[in-house]
Amino acid sequence: MPKLTVLPHATLCPAGVAFEAPAGETLCDLLLAHGIEIEHACEKSCACTTCHVILREGFGSLAPAEEEEE
């Protein structure tokens, strides 16, 4: 199972955190479940792009974005 590492962020996650990422879960849902309150203005309906994140490592291991993600 992949492990996600969230780097420290002054307001969202000051200490940083690492956790397992089960297949089939969205990054937004995982972050929220671990107390990282990223903005998601459209309530996760993929309509507003406020829940975007920056990947520092591992981008090459991701599958291509699906149409809904784009």
PDB file of N, CA and C in Angstrom:
ATOM      1  N   MET A   1       0.856  -1.168   0.000  1.00  0.00           N
ATOM      2  CA  MET A   1       0.000   0.000   0.000  1.00  0.00           C
ATOM      3  C   MET A   1       0.905   1.236   0.000  1.00  0.00           C
ATOM      4  N   PRO A   2       0.618   2.208  -0.858  1.00  0.00           N
ATOM      5  CA  PRO A   2       1.445   3.420  -0.906  1.00  0.00           C
ATOM      6  C   PRO A   2       1.377   4.199   0.407  1.00  0.00           C
ATOM      7  N   LYS A   3       2.458   4.877   0.689  1.00  0.00           N
ATOM      8  CA  LYS A   3       2.523   5.733   1.868  1.00  0.00           C
ATOM      9  C   LYS A   3       2.596   7.181   1.400  1.00  0.00           C
ATOM     10  N   LEU A   4       1.737   8.032   1.951  1.00  0.00           N
ATOM     11  CA  LEU A   4       1.754   9.455   1.619  1.00  0.00           C
ATOM     12  C   LEU A   4       2.461  10.218   2.724  1.00  0.00           C
ATOM     13  N   THR A   5       3.302  11.146   2.328  1.00  0.00           N
ATOM     14  CA  THR A   5       3.977  12.015   3.280  1.00  0.00           C
ATOM     15  C   THR A   5       3.548  13.438   2.980  1.00  0.00           C
ATOM     16  N   VAL A   6       2.940  14.071   3.956  1.00  0.00           N
ATOM     17  CA  VAL A   6       2.520  15.464   3.819  1.00  0.00           C
ATOM     18  C   VAL A   6       3.576  16.307   4.516  1.00  0.00           C
ATOM     19  N   LEU A   7       4.210  17.175   3.755  1.00  0.00           N
ATOM     20  CA  LEU A   7       5.246  18.036   4.318  1.00  0.00           C
ATOM     21  C   LEU A   7       4.614  19.079   5.230  1.00  0.00           C
ATOM     22  N   PRO A   8       5.376  19.570   6.188  1.00  0.00           N
ATOM     23  CA  PRO A   8       4.824  20.596   7.078  1.00  0.00           C
ATOM     24  C   PRO A   8       4.311  21.811   6.305  1.00  0.00           C
ATOM     25  N   HIS A   9       3.188  22.316   6.732  1.00  0.00           N
ATOM     26  CA  HIS A   9       2.576  23.526   6.176  1.00  0.00           C
ATOM     27  C   HIS A   9       2.106  24.346   7.369  1.00  0.00           C
ATOM     28  N   ALA A  10       2.443  25.621   7.395  1.00  0.00           N
ATOM     29  CA  ALA A  10       2.219  26.462   8.573  1.00  0.00           C
ATOM     30  C   ALA A  10       0.792  26.408   9.117  1.00  0.00           C
ATOM     31  N   THR A  11      -0.203  26.361   8.252  1.00  0.00           N
ATOM     32  CA  THR A  11      -1.582  26.382   8.739  1.00  0.00           C
ATOM     33  C   THR A  11      -2.303  25.042   8.588  1.00  0.00           C
ATOM     34  N   LEU A  12      -2.005  24.284   7.564  1.00  0.00           N
ATOM     35  CA  LEU A  12      -2.760  23.050   7.320  1.00  0.00           C
ATOM     36  C   LEU A  12      -2.237  21.845   8.089  1.00  0.00           C
ATOM     37  N   CYS A  13      -0.937  21.769   8.261  1.00  0.00           N
ATOM     38  CA  CYS A  13      -0.337  20.590   8.902  1.00  0.00           C
ATOM     39  C   CYS A  13       1.052  20.965   9.418  1.00  0.00           C
ATOM     40  N   PRO A  14       1.122  21.739  10.504  1.00  0.00           N
ATOM     41  CA  PRO A  14       2.414  22.265  10.962  1.00  0.00           C
ATOM     42  C   PRO A  14       3.507  21.221  11.193  1.00  0.00           C
ATOM     43  N   ALA A  15       3.164  20.052  11.672  1.00  0.00           N
ATOM     44  CA  ALA A  15       4.173  19.040  11.962  1.00  0.00           C
ATOM     45  C   ALA A  15       4.415  18.086  10.800  1.00  0.00           C
ATOM     46  N   GLY A  16       3.589  18.148   9.761  1.00  0.00           N
ATOM     47  CA  GLY A  16       3.673  17.156   8.694  1.00  0.00           C
ATOM     48  C   GLY A  16       3.096  15.838   9.199  1.00  0.00           C
ATOM     49  N   VAL A  17       2.864  14.907   8.293  1.00  0.00           N
ATOM     50  CA  VAL A  17       2.288  13.614   8.683  1.00  0.00           C
ATOM     51  C   VAL A  17       2.547  12.612   7.561  1.00  0.00           C
ATOM     52  N   ALA A  18       2.581  11.335   7.902  1.00  0.00           N
ATOM     53  CA  ALA A  18       2.704  10.264   6.905  1.00  0.00           C
ATOM     54  C   ALA A  18       1.644   9.210   7.239  1.00  0.00           C
ATOM     55  N   PHE A  19       1.044   8.647   6.190  1.00  0.00           N
ATOM     56  CA  PHE A  19       0.012   7.630   6.409  1.00  0.00           C
ATOM     57  C   PHE A  19      -0.130   6.767   5.163  1.00  0.00           C
ATOM     58  N   GLU A  20      -0.751   5.600   5.354  1.00  0.00           N
ATOM     59  CA  GLU A  20      -1.002   4.670   4.256  1.00  0.00           C
ATOM     60  C   GLU A  20      -2.168   5.175   3.410  1.00  0.00           C
ATOM     61  N   ALA A  21      -2.118   4.887   2.112  1.00  0.00           N
ATOM     62  CA  ALA A  21      -3.158   5.330   1.184  1.00  0.00           C
ATOM     63  C   ALA A  21      -3.794   4.117   0.507  1.00  0.00           C
ATOM     64  N   PRO A  22      -4.933   3.659   1.008  1.00  0.00           N
ATOM     65  CA  PRO A  22      -5.600   2.502   0.390  1.00  0.00           C
ATOM     66  C   PRO A  22      -6.039   2.796  -1.050  1.00  0.00           C
ATOM     67  N   ALA A  23      -5.982   1.794  -1.891  1.00  0.00           N
ATOM     68  CA  ALA A  23      -6.431   1.938  -3.274  1.00  0.00           C
ATOM     69  C   ALA A  23      -7.899   2.339  -3.303  1.00  0.00           C
ATOM     70  N   GLY A  24      -8.250   3.194  -4.248  1.00  0.00           N
ATOM     71  CA  GLY A  24      -9.633   3.591  -4.435  1.00  0.00           C
ATOM     72  C   GLY A  24     -10.051   4.819  -3.653  1.00  0.00           C
ATOM     73  N   GLU A  25      -9.195   5.314  -2.763  1.00  0.00           N
ATOM     74  CA  GLU A  25      -9.500   6.521  -1.989  1.00  0.00           C
ATOM     75  C   GLU A  25      -8.956   7.746  -2.718  1.00  0.00           C
ATOM     76  N   THR A  26      -9.676   8.844  -2.636  1.00  0.00           N
ATOM     77  CA  THR A  26      -9.173  10.069  -3.249  1.00  0.00           C
ATOM     78  C   THR A  26      -8.197  10.745  -2.301  1.00  0.00           C
ATOM     79  N   LEU A  27      -7.275  11.495  -2.854  1.00  0.00           N
ATOM     80  CA  LEU A  27      -6.314  12.223  -2.049  1.00  0.00           C
ATOM     81  C   LEU A  27      -7.030  13.222  -1.146  1.00  0.00           C
ATOM     82  N   CYS A  28      -8.037  13.884  -1.661  1.00  0.00           N
ATOM     83  CA  CYS A  28      -8.801  14.840  -0.866  1.00  0.00           C
ATOM     84  C   CYS A  28      -9.428  14.144   0.341  1.00  0.00           C
ATOM     85  N   ASP A  29     -10.078  13.013   0.136  1.00  0.00           N
ATOM     86  CA  ASP A  29     -10.706  12.284   1.242  1.00  0.00           C
ATOM     87  C   ASP A  29      -9.671  11.821   2.265  1.00  0.00           C
ATOM     88  N   LEU A  30      -8.525  11.336   1.792  1.00  0.00           N
ATOM     89  CA  LEU A  30      -7.489  10.879   2.708  1.00  0.00           C
ATOM     90  C   LEU A  30      -6.946  12.020   3.559  1.00  0.00           C
ATOM     91  N   LEU A  31      -6.682  13.154   2.932  1.00  0.00           N
ATOM     92  CA  LEU A  31      -6.166  14.298   3.682  1.00  0.00           C
ATOM     93  C   LEU A  31      -7.174  14.758   4.729  1.00  0.00           C
ATOM     94  N   LEU A  32      -8.428  14.874   4.338  1.00  0.00           N
ATOM     95  CA  LEU A  32      -9.463  15.295   5.286  1.00  0.00           C
ATOM     96  C   LEU A  32      -9.600  14.292   6.434  1.00  0.00           C
ATOM     97  N   ALA A  33      -9.520  13.011   6.131  1.00  0.00           N
ATOM     98  CA  ALA A  33      -9.645  11.975   7.155  1.00  0.00           C
ATOM     99  C   ALA A  33      -8.497  12.015   8.162  1.00  0.00           C
ATOM    100  N   HIS A  34      -7.363  12.578   7.745  1.00  0.00           N
ATOM    101  CA  HIS A  34      -6.207  12.676   8.632  1.00  0.00           C
ATOM    102  C   HIS A  34      -6.064  14.074   9.234  1.00  0.00           C
ATOM    103  N   GLY A  35      -7.145  14.837   9.214  1.00  0.00           N
ATOM    104  CA  GLY A  35      -7.167  16.133   9.887  1.00  0.00           C
ATOM    105  C   GLY A  35      -6.505  17.268   9.135  1.00  0.00           C
ATOM    106  N   ILE A  36      -6.232  17.070   7.849  1.00  0.00           N
ATOM    107  CA  ILE A  36      -5.619  18.119   7.040  1.00  0.00           C
ATOM    108  C   ILE A  36      -6.734  18.783   6.244  1.00  0.00           C
ATOM    109  N   GLU A  37      -7.195  19.904   6.726  1.00  0.00           N
ATOM    110  CA  GLU A  37      -8.391  20.566   6.205  1.00  0.00           C
ATOM    111  C   GLU A  37      -8.110  21.396   4.951  1.00  0.00           C
ATOM    112  N   ILE A  38      -7.812  20.695   3.839  1.00  0.00           N
ATOM    113  CA  ILE A  38      -7.609  21.414   2.581  1.00  0.00           C
ATOM    114  C   ILE A  38      -8.957  21.948   2.102  1.00  0.00           C
ATOM    115  N   GLU A  39      -8.898  23.036   1.374  1.00  0.00           N
ATOM    116  CA  GLU A  39     -10.128  23.629   0.858  1.00  0.00           C
ATOM    117  C   GLU A  39     -10.736  22.701  -0.190  1.00  0.00           C
ATOM    118  N   HIS A  40     -12.043  22.610  -0.186  1.00  0.00           N
ATOM    119  CA  HIS A  40     -12.779  21.804  -1.178  1.00  0.00           C
ATOM    120  C   HIS A  40     -14.162  22.442  -1.339  1.00  0.00           C
ATOM    121  N   ALA A  41     -14.159  23.614  -1.979  1.00  0.00           N
ATOM    122  CA  ALA A  41     -15.344  24.470  -2.054  1.00  0.00           C
ATOM    123  C   ALA A  41     -16.553  23.807  -2.711  1.00  0.00           C
ATOM    124  N   CYS A  42     -16.343  22.883  -3.610  1.00  0.00           N
ATOM    125  CA  CYS A  42     -17.473  22.264  -4.314  1.00  0.00           C
ATOM    126  C   CYS A  42     -17.904  20.956  -3.655  1.00  0.00           C
ATOM    127  N   GLU A  43     -17.426  20.717  -2.417  1.00  0.00           N
ATOM    128  CA  GLU A  43     -17.765  19.494  -1.680  1.00  0.00           C
ATOM    129  C   GLU A  43     -17.361  18.230  -2.435  1.00  0.00           C
ATOM    130  N   LYS A  44     -16.195  18.264  -3.048  1.00  0.00           N
ATOM    131  CA  LYS A  44     -15.578  17.109  -3.719  1.00  0.00           C
ATOM    132  C   LYS A  44     -16.341  16.630  -4.956  1.00  0.00           C
ATOM    133  N   SER A  45     -16.961  17.543  -5.684  1.00  0.00           N
ATOM    134  CA  SER A  45     -17.670  17.139  -6.903  1.00  0.00           C
ATOM    135  C   SER A  45     -16.829  17.391  -8.156  1.00  0.00           C
ATOM    136  N   CYS A  46     -15.561  17.725  -7.999  1.00  0.00           N
ATOM    137  CA  CYS A  46     -14.627  17.963  -9.111  1.00  0.00           C
ATOM    138  C   CYS A  46     -15.076  19.124 -10.000  1.00  0.00           C
ATOM    139  N   ALA A  47     -15.570  20.186  -9.391  1.00  0.00           N
ATOM    140  CA  ALA A  47     -16.077  21.305 -10.170  1.00  0.00           C
ATOM    141  C   ALA A  47     -15.293  22.602  -9.995  1.00  0.00           C
ATOM    142  N   CYS A  48     -14.391  22.692  -8.998  1.00  0.00           N
ATOM    143  CA  CYS A  48     -13.822  24.013  -8.714  1.00  0.00           C
ATOM    144  C   CYS A  48     -12.300  24.080  -8.656  1.00  0.00           C
ATOM    145  N   THR A  49     -11.596  23.006  -8.524  1.00  0.00           N
ATOM    146  CA  THR A  49     -10.133  22.908  -8.417  1.00  0.00           C
ATOM    147  C   THR A  49      -9.538  23.550  -7.168  1.00  0.00           C
ATOM    148  N   THR A  50     -10.322  23.803  -6.118  1.00  0.00           N
ATOM    149  CA  THR A  50      -9.740  24.380  -4.908  1.00  0.00           C
ATOM    150  C   THR A  50      -8.979  23.355  -4.081  1.00  0.00           C
ATOM    151  N   CYS A  51      -9.168  22.081  -4.335  1.00  0.00           N
ATOM    152  CA  CYS A  51      -8.502  21.049  -3.536  1.00  0.00           C
ATOM    153  C   CYS A  51      -7.194  20.563  -4.163  1.00  0.00           C
ATOM    154  N   HIS A  52      -6.599  21.354  -5.017  1.00  0.00           N
ATOM    155  CA  HIS A  52      -5.366  20.905  -5.676  1.00  0.00           C
ATOM    156  C   HIS A  52      -4.222  20.793  -4.670  1.00  0.00           C
ATOM    157  N   VAL A  53      -3.255  19.924  -4.975  1.00  0.00           N
ATOM    158  CA  VAL A  53      -2.072  19.726  -4.148  1.00  0.00           C
ATOM    159  C   VAL A  53      -0.845  19.744  -5.052  1.00  0.00           C
ATOM    160  N   ILE A  54       0.318  19.866  -4.458  1.00  0.00           N
ATOM    161  CA  ILE A  54       1.583  19.824  -5.196  1.00  0.00           C
ATOM    162  C   ILE A  54       2.304  18.537  -4.815  1.00  0.00           C
ATOM    163  N   LEU A  55       2.661  17.736  -5.811  1.00  0.00           N
ATOM    164  CA  LEU A  55       3.408  16.503  -5.567  1.00  0.00           C
ATOM    165  C   LEU A  55       4.887  16.814  -5.700  1.00  0.00           C
ATOM    166  N   ARG A  56       5.658  16.534  -4.677  1.00  0.00           N
ATOM    167  CA  ARG A  56       7.107  16.765  -4.694  1.00  0.00           C
ATOM    168  C   ARG A  56       7.846  15.547  -5.234  1.00  0.00           C
ATOM    169  N   GLU A  57       7.302  14.363  -4.986  1.00  0.00           N
ATOM    170  CA  GLU A  57       7.909  13.112  -5.451  1.00  0.00           C
ATOM    171  C   GLU A  57       6.808  12.131  -5.829  1.00  0.00           C
ATOM    172  N   GLY A  58       7.116  11.206  -6.730  1.00  0.00           N
ATOM    173  CA  GLY A  58       6.205  10.123  -7.043  1.00  0.00           C
ATOM    174  C   GLY A  58       5.235  10.372  -8.175  1.00  0.00           C
ATOM    175  N   PHE A  59       5.319  11.533  -8.820  1.00  0.00           N
ATOM    176  CA  PHE A  59       4.378  11.842  -9.892  1.00  0.00           C
ATOM    177  C   PHE A  59       4.427  10.793 -11.001  1.00  0.00           C
ATOM    178  N   GLY A  60       5.611  10.316 -11.310  1.00  0.00           N
ATOM    179  CA  GLY A  60       5.774   9.329 -12.378  1.00  0.00           C
ATOM    180  C   GLY A  60       5.104   8.000 -12.089  1.00  0.00           C
ATOM    181  N   SER A  61       4.798   7.717 -10.840  1.00  0.00           N
ATOM    182  CA  SER A  61       4.169   6.447 -10.492  1.00  0.00           C
ATOM    183  C   SER A  61       2.646   6.501 -10.583  1.00  0.00           C
ATOM    184  N   LEU A  62       2.088   7.682 -10.866  1.00  0.00           N
ATOM    185  CA  LEU A  62       0.632   7.820 -10.942  1.00  0.00           C
ATOM    186  C   LEU A  62       0.101   7.428 -12.308  1.00  0.00           C
ATOM    187  N   ALA A  63      -1.102   6.905 -12.330  1.00  0.00           N
ATOM    188  CA  ALA A  63      -1.780   6.630 -13.593  1.00  0.00           C
ATOM    189  C   ALA A  63      -2.177   7.961 -14.215  1.00  0.00           C
ATOM    190  N   PRO A  64      -2.348   8.002 -15.524  1.00  0.00           N
ATOM    191  CA  PRO A  64      -2.802   9.252 -16.156  1.00  0.00           C
ATOM    192  C   PRO A  64      -4.126   9.705 -15.548  1.00  0.00           C
ATOM    193  N   ALA A  65      -4.318  11.018 -15.496  1.00  0.00           N
ATOM    194  CA  ALA A  65      -5.548  11.574 -14.948  1.00  0.00           C
ATOM    195  C   ALA A  65      -6.745  11.151 -15.793  1.00  0.00           C
ATOM    196  N   GLU A  66      -7.824  10.812 -15.111  1.00  0.00           N
ATOM    197  CA  GLU A  66      -9.052  10.486 -15.806  1.00  0.00           C
ATOM    198  C   GLU A  66      -9.755  11.779 -16.217  1.00  0.00           C
ATOM    199  N   GLU A  67     -10.728  11.678 -17.082  1.00  0.00           N
ATOM    200  CA  GLU A  67     -11.433  12.865 -17.594  1.00  0.00           C
ATOM    201  C   GLU A  67     -11.999  13.715 -16.460  1.00  0.00           C
ATOM    202  N   GLU A  68     -12.590  13.090 -15.461  1.00  0.00           N
ATOM    203  CA  GLU A  68     -13.171  13.831 -14.336  1.00  0.00           C
ATOM    204  C   GLU A  68     -12.102  14.598 -13.556  1.00  0.00           C
ATOM    205  N   GLU A  69     -10.912  14.037 -13.457  1.00  0.00           N
ATOM    206  CA  GLU A  69      -9.826  14.716 -12.752  1.00  0.00           C
ATOM    207  C   GLU A  69      -9.334  15.938 -13.527  1.00  0.00           C
ATOM    208  N   GLU A  70      -9.296  15.825 -14.826  1.00  0.00           N
ATOM    209  CA  GLU A  70      -8.836  16.938 -15.650  1.00  0.00           C
ATOM    210  C   GLU A  70      -9.806  18.105 -15.519  1.00  0.00           C
TER     211      GLU A  70
END
